[in-house]
N, C-alpha and C. Protein backbone atom coordinates (compact mmCIF):
# COMPACT_ATOMS: atom_id res chain seq x y z
N UNK A 1 5.47 2.36 -14.73
CA UNK A 1 4.36 2.01 -13.88
C UNK A 1 3.83 3.28 -13.21
N UNK A 2 2.54 3.34 -13.11
CA UNK A 2 1.86 4.45 -12.45
C UNK A 2 1.13 3.89 -11.23
N UNK A 3 1.35 4.49 -10.06
CA UNK A 3 0.70 4.04 -8.83
C UNK A 3 -0.31 5.09 -8.39
N UNK A 4 -1.50 4.62 -8.12
CA UNK A 4 -2.57 5.48 -7.61
C UNK A 4 -2.98 4.97 -6.23
N UNK A 5 -3.65 5.82 -5.46
CA UNK A 5 -4.26 5.37 -4.21
C UNK A 5 -5.74 5.74 -4.28
N UNK A 6 -6.54 4.89 -3.63
CA UNK A 6 -7.99 5.07 -3.72
C UNK A 6 -8.65 4.37 -2.53
N UNK A 7 -9.72 4.95 -2.02
CA UNK A 7 -10.48 4.28 -0.97
C UNK A 7 -11.16 3.06 -1.57
N UNK A 8 -11.15 1.98 -0.85
CA UNK A 8 -11.76 0.74 -1.34
C UNK A 8 -13.28 0.88 -1.44
N UNK A 9 -13.84 1.87 -0.78
CA UNK A 9 -15.29 2.08 -0.82
C UNK A 9 -15.73 2.75 -2.12
N UNK A 10 -14.78 3.25 -2.90
CA UNK A 10 -15.10 3.80 -4.21
C UNK A 10 -15.24 2.64 -5.20
N UNK A 11 -16.06 2.83 -6.21
CA UNK A 11 -16.31 1.77 -7.19
C UNK A 11 -15.02 1.40 -7.94
N UNK A 12 -14.88 0.12 -8.21
CA UNK A 12 -13.76 -0.36 -9.02
C UNK A 12 -13.97 0.10 -10.46
N UNK A 13 -12.86 0.49 -11.09
CA UNK A 13 -12.91 0.95 -12.48
C UNK A 13 -11.81 0.25 -13.27
N UNK A 14 -12.02 0.04 -14.55
CA UNK A 14 -10.96 -0.57 -15.36
C UNK A 14 -9.65 0.22 -15.31
N UNK A 15 -9.74 1.54 -15.14
CA UNK A 15 -8.53 2.37 -15.09
C UNK A 15 -7.72 2.14 -13.82
N UNK A 16 -8.27 1.39 -12.84
CA UNK A 16 -7.52 1.09 -11.61
C UNK A 16 -6.34 0.16 -11.88
N UNK A 17 -6.40 -0.58 -12.95
CA UNK A 17 -5.34 -1.55 -13.23
C UNK A 17 -5.31 -2.64 -12.16
N UNK A 18 -4.14 -2.91 -11.65
CA UNK A 18 -3.95 -3.94 -10.62
C UNK A 18 -4.37 -3.37 -9.27
N UNK A 19 -5.46 -3.89 -8.72
CA UNK A 19 -6.00 -3.40 -7.44
C UNK A 19 -5.40 -4.20 -6.29
N UNK A 20 -4.70 -3.49 -5.40
CA UNK A 20 -4.03 -4.13 -4.27
C UNK A 20 -4.51 -3.48 -2.97
N UNK A 21 -5.12 -4.29 -2.11
CA UNK A 21 -5.52 -3.81 -0.78
C UNK A 21 -4.28 -3.77 0.10
N UNK A 22 -4.02 -2.61 0.71
CA UNK A 22 -2.80 -2.45 1.50
C UNK A 22 -3.11 -2.23 2.98
N UNK A 23 -4.27 -2.69 3.44
CA UNK A 23 -4.65 -2.63 4.85
C UNK A 23 -4.49 -4.00 5.49
N UNK A 24 -4.19 -4.00 6.76
CA UNK A 24 -4.04 -5.25 7.51
C UNK A 24 -5.40 -5.89 7.78
N UNK A 25 -6.41 -5.06 7.99
CA UNK A 25 -7.75 -5.56 8.30
C UNK A 25 -8.63 -5.45 7.07
N UNK A 26 -9.50 -6.46 6.88
CA UNK A 26 -10.43 -6.41 5.76
C UNK A 26 -11.43 -5.29 6.01
N UNK A 27 -11.71 -4.46 5.01
CA UNK A 27 -12.63 -3.33 5.20
C UNK A 27 -14.08 -3.76 5.44
N UNK A 28 -14.71 -3.13 6.39
CA UNK A 28 -16.10 -3.43 6.74
C UNK A 28 -17.03 -3.20 5.58
N UNK A 29 -17.94 -4.14 5.37
CA UNK A 29 -18.99 -3.97 4.38
C UNK A 29 -18.58 -4.18 2.93
N UNK A 30 -17.35 -4.62 2.71
CA UNK A 30 -16.87 -4.84 1.34
C UNK A 30 -16.76 -6.35 1.09
N UNK A 31 -17.46 -6.82 0.09
CA UNK A 31 -17.35 -8.24 -0.27
C UNK A 31 -16.11 -8.43 -1.14
N UNK A 32 -15.64 -9.65 -1.19
CA UNK A 32 -14.48 -9.94 -2.04
C UNK A 32 -14.80 -9.68 -3.50
N UNK A 33 -16.04 -9.94 -3.88
CA UNK A 33 -16.44 -9.69 -5.26
C UNK A 33 -16.41 -8.19 -5.58
N UNK A 34 -16.92 -7.39 -4.68
CA UNK A 34 -16.93 -5.93 -4.89
C UNK A 34 -15.51 -5.35 -4.86
N UNK A 35 -14.64 -5.92 -4.07
CA UNK A 35 -13.27 -5.41 -3.94
C UNK A 35 -12.48 -5.55 -5.25
N UNK A 36 -12.73 -6.60 -5.99
CA UNK A 36 -12.04 -6.87 -7.25
C UNK A 36 -10.52 -6.74 -7.12
N UNK A 37 -10.00 -7.42 -6.11
CA UNK A 37 -8.56 -7.36 -5.83
C UNK A 37 -7.78 -8.32 -6.71
N UNK A 38 -6.57 -7.92 -7.01
CA UNK A 38 -5.59 -8.81 -7.61
C UNK A 38 -4.76 -9.42 -6.48
N UNK A 39 -4.57 -8.63 -5.42
CA UNK A 39 -3.69 -9.06 -4.34
C UNK A 39 -4.04 -8.30 -3.07
N UNK A 40 -3.94 -8.98 -1.92
CA UNK A 40 -4.10 -8.34 -0.61
C UNK A 40 -2.73 -8.34 0.05
N UNK A 41 -2.14 -7.18 0.18
CA UNK A 41 -0.81 -7.03 0.76
C UNK A 41 -0.90 -6.86 2.27
N UNK A 42 -1.59 -7.75 2.89
CA UNK A 42 -1.85 -7.71 4.34
C UNK A 42 -0.55 -7.63 5.15
N UNK A 43 0.41 -8.44 4.79
CA UNK A 43 1.66 -8.51 5.57
C UNK A 43 2.59 -7.32 5.34
N UNK A 44 2.31 -6.52 4.31
CA UNK A 44 3.15 -5.35 4.04
C UNK A 44 2.52 -4.09 4.64
N UNK A 45 1.34 -4.23 5.19
CA UNK A 45 0.68 -3.10 5.85
C UNK A 45 1.38 -2.82 7.19
N UNK A 46 1.14 -1.65 7.76
CA UNK A 46 1.78 -1.34 9.05
C UNK A 46 1.37 -2.34 10.14
N UNK A 47 2.28 -2.60 11.03
CA UNK A 47 1.99 -3.49 12.15
C UNK A 47 0.86 -2.90 12.98
N UNK A 48 0.20 -3.76 13.74
CA UNK A 48 -0.87 -3.27 14.62
C UNK A 48 -0.34 -2.22 15.60
N UNK A 49 0.86 -2.44 16.10
CA UNK A 49 1.45 -1.50 17.06
C UNK A 49 1.65 -0.14 16.41
N UNK A 50 2.21 -0.13 15.20
CA UNK A 50 2.46 1.13 14.51
C UNK A 50 1.15 1.82 14.14
N UNK A 51 0.21 1.05 13.67
CA UNK A 51 -1.09 1.59 13.29
C UNK A 51 -1.78 2.24 14.49
N UNK A 52 -1.76 1.58 15.64
CA UNK A 52 -2.38 2.11 16.84
C UNK A 52 -1.63 3.35 17.35
N UNK A 53 -0.30 3.34 17.24
CA UNK A 53 0.48 4.50 17.67
C UNK A 53 0.18 5.72 16.81
N UNK A 54 0.09 5.52 15.51
CA UNK A 54 -0.09 6.64 14.58
C UNK A 54 -1.48 7.28 14.69
N UNK A 55 -2.52 6.52 14.62
CA UNK A 55 -3.91 6.98 14.71
C UNK A 55 -4.20 8.19 13.82
N UNK A 56 -3.56 8.26 12.67
CA UNK A 56 -3.75 9.34 11.70
C UNK A 56 -3.55 10.73 12.30
N UNK A 57 -2.59 10.82 13.20
CA UNK A 57 -2.22 12.10 13.81
C UNK A 57 -1.21 12.77 12.87
N UNK A 58 -1.59 13.89 12.28
CA UNK A 58 -0.75 14.59 11.30
C UNK A 58 0.63 14.94 11.87
N UNK A 59 0.70 15.20 13.17
CA UNK A 59 1.98 15.53 13.80
C UNK A 59 2.93 14.33 13.83
N UNK A 60 2.39 13.13 13.68
CA UNK A 60 3.21 11.92 13.71
C UNK A 60 3.52 11.38 12.31
N UNK A 61 3.04 12.04 11.27
CA UNK A 61 3.14 11.54 9.90
C UNK A 61 4.58 11.19 9.50
N UNK A 62 5.51 12.09 9.68
CA UNK A 62 6.89 11.83 9.24
C UNK A 62 7.53 10.68 10.02
N UNK A 63 7.27 10.63 11.31
CA UNK A 63 7.79 9.52 12.12
C UNK A 63 7.09 8.22 11.76
N UNK A 64 5.79 8.29 11.48
CA UNK A 64 5.07 7.11 11.02
C UNK A 64 5.72 6.55 9.75
N UNK A 65 5.97 7.40 8.78
CA UNK A 65 6.57 6.94 7.53
C UNK A 65 7.94 6.32 7.78
N UNK A 66 8.75 6.95 8.61
CA UNK A 66 10.09 6.40 8.89
C UNK A 66 9.97 5.00 9.48
N UNK A 67 9.10 4.85 10.47
CA UNK A 67 8.92 3.54 11.12
C UNK A 67 8.31 2.52 10.15
N UNK A 68 7.34 2.97 9.35
CA UNK A 68 6.70 2.07 8.39
C UNK A 68 7.69 1.62 7.33
N UNK A 69 8.50 2.52 6.83
CA UNK A 69 9.50 2.15 5.82
C UNK A 69 10.48 1.13 6.39
N UNK A 70 10.85 1.28 7.66
CA UNK A 70 11.72 0.28 8.31
C UNK A 70 11.02 -1.07 8.34
N UNK A 71 9.73 -1.07 8.66
CA UNK A 71 8.98 -2.34 8.67
C UNK A 71 8.93 -2.95 7.27
N UNK A 72 8.65 -2.15 6.28
CA UNK A 72 8.55 -2.65 4.91
C UNK A 72 9.85 -3.33 4.48
N UNK A 73 10.95 -2.68 4.77
CA UNK A 73 12.26 -3.22 4.38
C UNK A 73 12.55 -4.57 5.05
N UNK A 74 11.97 -4.79 6.21
CA UNK A 74 12.28 -6.01 6.97
C UNK A 74 11.35 -7.18 6.64
N UNK A 75 10.33 -6.96 5.82
CA UNK A 75 9.34 -8.00 5.56
C UNK A 75 9.62 -8.74 4.25
N UNK A 76 9.71 -10.06 4.30
CA UNK A 76 9.95 -10.82 3.07
C UNK A 76 8.78 -10.70 2.08
N UNK A 77 7.59 -10.41 2.56
CA UNK A 77 6.42 -10.30 1.68
C UNK A 77 6.49 -9.08 0.77
N UNK A 78 7.37 -8.15 1.09
CA UNK A 78 7.51 -6.95 0.26
C UNK A 78 7.92 -7.33 -1.16
N UNK A 79 8.69 -8.36 -1.29
CA UNK A 79 9.12 -8.81 -2.62
C UNK A 79 7.92 -9.18 -3.50
N UNK A 80 6.94 -9.86 -2.91
CA UNK A 80 5.74 -10.24 -3.65
C UNK A 80 4.95 -9.00 -4.08
N UNK A 81 4.84 -8.03 -3.19
CA UNK A 81 4.16 -6.79 -3.54
C UNK A 81 4.85 -6.12 -4.74
N UNK A 82 6.17 -6.02 -4.67
CA UNK A 82 6.92 -5.39 -5.76
C UNK A 82 6.74 -6.15 -7.07
N UNK A 83 6.64 -7.46 -6.99
CA UNK A 83 6.44 -8.25 -8.21
C UNK A 83 5.08 -7.95 -8.83
N UNK A 84 4.05 -7.85 -8.00
CA UNK A 84 2.73 -7.49 -8.51
C UNK A 84 2.78 -6.12 -9.17
N UNK A 85 3.48 -5.19 -8.56
CA UNK A 85 3.59 -3.84 -9.13
C UNK A 85 4.34 -3.87 -10.46
N UNK A 86 5.43 -4.60 -10.50
CA UNK A 86 6.26 -4.64 -11.71
C UNK A 86 5.53 -5.26 -12.89
N UNK A 87 4.56 -6.10 -12.62
CA UNK A 87 3.83 -6.80 -13.68
C UNK A 87 2.71 -5.99 -14.31
N UNK A 88 2.46 -4.76 -13.84
CA UNK A 88 1.32 -3.97 -14.32
C UNK A 88 1.72 -2.53 -14.63
N UNK A 89 1.10 -1.96 -15.64
CA UNK A 89 1.36 -0.56 -16.01
C UNK A 89 0.72 0.40 -15.00
N UNK A 90 -0.45 0.02 -14.48
CA UNK A 90 -1.15 0.85 -13.50
C UNK A 90 -1.46 -0.02 -12.28
N UNK A 91 -1.15 0.52 -11.12
CA UNK A 91 -1.42 -0.17 -9.85
C UNK A 91 -2.19 0.81 -8.97
N UNK A 92 -3.23 0.31 -8.32
CA UNK A 92 -3.98 1.14 -7.38
C UNK A 92 -3.90 0.49 -6.01
N UNK A 93 -3.32 1.23 -5.06
CA UNK A 93 -3.28 0.78 -3.68
C UNK A 93 -4.60 1.21 -3.03
N UNK A 94 -5.32 0.25 -2.49
CA UNK A 94 -6.62 0.49 -1.88
C UNK A 94 -6.50 0.53 -0.36
N UNK A 95 -7.22 1.45 0.24
CA UNK A 95 -7.20 1.62 1.69
C UNK A 95 -8.60 1.93 2.17
N UNK A 96 -8.86 1.77 3.46
CA UNK A 96 -10.19 2.02 3.99
C UNK A 96 -10.29 3.29 4.84
N UNK A 97 -9.18 3.87 5.20
CA UNK A 97 -9.17 5.05 6.06
C UNK A 97 -9.97 6.20 5.47
N UNK A 98 -10.59 6.99 6.33
CA UNK A 98 -11.26 8.21 5.88
C UNK A 98 -10.24 9.31 5.60
N UNK A 99 -9.05 9.16 6.18
CA UNK A 99 -7.97 10.12 5.95
C UNK A 99 -7.43 9.87 4.53
N UNK A 100 -7.60 10.84 3.66
CA UNK A 100 -7.29 10.65 2.24
C UNK A 100 -5.81 10.82 1.89
N UNK A 101 -5.05 11.55 2.68
CA UNK A 101 -3.68 11.85 2.30
C UNK A 101 -2.61 11.26 3.21
N UNK A 102 -2.84 11.27 4.50
CA UNK A 102 -1.83 10.81 5.46
C UNK A 102 -2.20 9.42 5.94
N UNK A 103 -2.12 8.46 5.03
CA UNK A 103 -2.49 7.08 5.36
C UNK A 103 -1.41 6.12 4.87
N UNK A 104 -1.54 4.87 5.23
CA UNK A 104 -0.50 3.90 4.88
C UNK A 104 -0.38 3.69 3.37
N UNK A 105 -1.48 3.84 2.62
CA UNK A 105 -1.41 3.68 1.16
C UNK A 105 -0.55 4.79 0.55
N UNK A 106 -0.71 6.01 1.03
CA UNK A 106 0.10 7.12 0.53
C UNK A 106 1.57 6.90 0.88
N UNK A 107 1.83 6.43 2.09
CA UNK A 107 3.20 6.16 2.50
C UNK A 107 3.81 5.03 1.66
N UNK A 108 3.05 3.97 1.44
CA UNK A 108 3.54 2.84 0.65
C UNK A 108 3.80 3.26 -0.79
N UNK A 109 2.93 4.07 -1.34
CA UNK A 109 3.12 4.60 -2.70
C UNK A 109 4.45 5.35 -2.77
N UNK A 110 4.70 6.21 -1.79
CA UNK A 110 5.96 6.95 -1.74
C UNK A 110 7.16 6.00 -1.67
N UNK A 111 7.06 4.99 -0.84
CA UNK A 111 8.15 4.02 -0.69
C UNK A 111 8.44 3.31 -2.00
N UNK A 112 7.41 2.82 -2.67
CA UNK A 112 7.59 2.07 -3.91
C UNK A 112 8.14 3.00 -5.01
N UNK A 113 7.59 4.20 -5.10
CA UNK A 113 8.08 5.14 -6.13
C UNK A 113 9.54 5.50 -5.90
N UNK A 114 9.92 5.71 -4.65
CA UNK A 114 11.33 5.99 -4.33
C UNK A 114 12.22 4.82 -4.72
N UNK A 115 11.76 3.62 -4.39
CA UNK A 115 12.55 2.43 -4.72
C UNK A 115 12.74 2.32 -6.22
N UNK A 116 11.71 2.60 -6.98
CA UNK A 116 11.81 2.54 -8.44
C UNK A 116 12.74 3.63 -8.96
N UNK A 117 12.59 4.83 -8.42
CA UNK A 117 13.43 5.95 -8.85
C UNK A 117 14.90 5.72 -8.55
N UNK A 118 15.16 5.20 -7.39
CA UNK A 118 16.54 4.99 -6.95
C UNK A 118 17.12 3.66 -7.40
N UNK A 119 16.33 2.87 -8.10
CA UNK A 119 16.75 1.55 -8.57
C UNK A 119 17.21 0.65 -7.42
N UNK A 120 16.65 0.92 -6.25
CA UNK A 120 16.96 0.08 -5.09
C UNK A 120 15.95 -1.05 -4.97
N UNK A 121 14.99 -1.07 -5.86
CA UNK A 121 13.97 -2.10 -5.82
C UNK A 121 14.49 -3.48 -6.11
N UNK A 122 15.69 -3.59 -6.65
CA UNK A 122 16.20 -4.90 -7.00
C UNK A 122 16.27 -5.82 -5.78
N UNK A 123 16.43 -5.25 -4.59
CA UNK A 123 16.44 -6.09 -3.40
C UNK A 123 15.07 -6.72 -3.14
N UNK A 124 14.04 -6.19 -3.80
CA UNK A 124 12.69 -6.73 -3.64
C UNK A 124 12.18 -7.36 -4.92
N UNK A 125 13.03 -7.52 -5.91
CA UNK A 125 12.62 -8.19 -7.12
C UNK A 125 12.24 -7.29 -8.26
N UNK A 126 12.42 -5.98 -8.11
CA UNK A 126 12.13 -5.07 -9.22
C UNK A 126 13.32 -5.08 -10.17
N UNK A 127 13.00 -5.15 -11.44
CA UNK A 127 14.06 -5.12 -12.44
C UNK A 127 14.17 -3.73 -13.04
């Protein structure tokens, strides 16, 4: 499986594969038709408290990831996200932030890739 990240404001392409929105809030100005989502991983996105604390401050990036990974591990909905990922060769995590690198989609991509690499994904339904 290959995981990509992309702003939801960019046009959907066939090469996106399984398009998964990984934001808690629906992006402004995007219709459901334009989004072309397979799944909205709303419950696996960072909590409102964590999102407000982080505010895309680069100095908080590593602590944000640590806290976010703890949240991900504690959410039962993570299993559903992993199942969607396991069912597709290409997955694109969609986000709305203007910050292209230090955002929750990048952090989630890292988390999922680590889980796959370490074969620890079985706790979330990855085979």
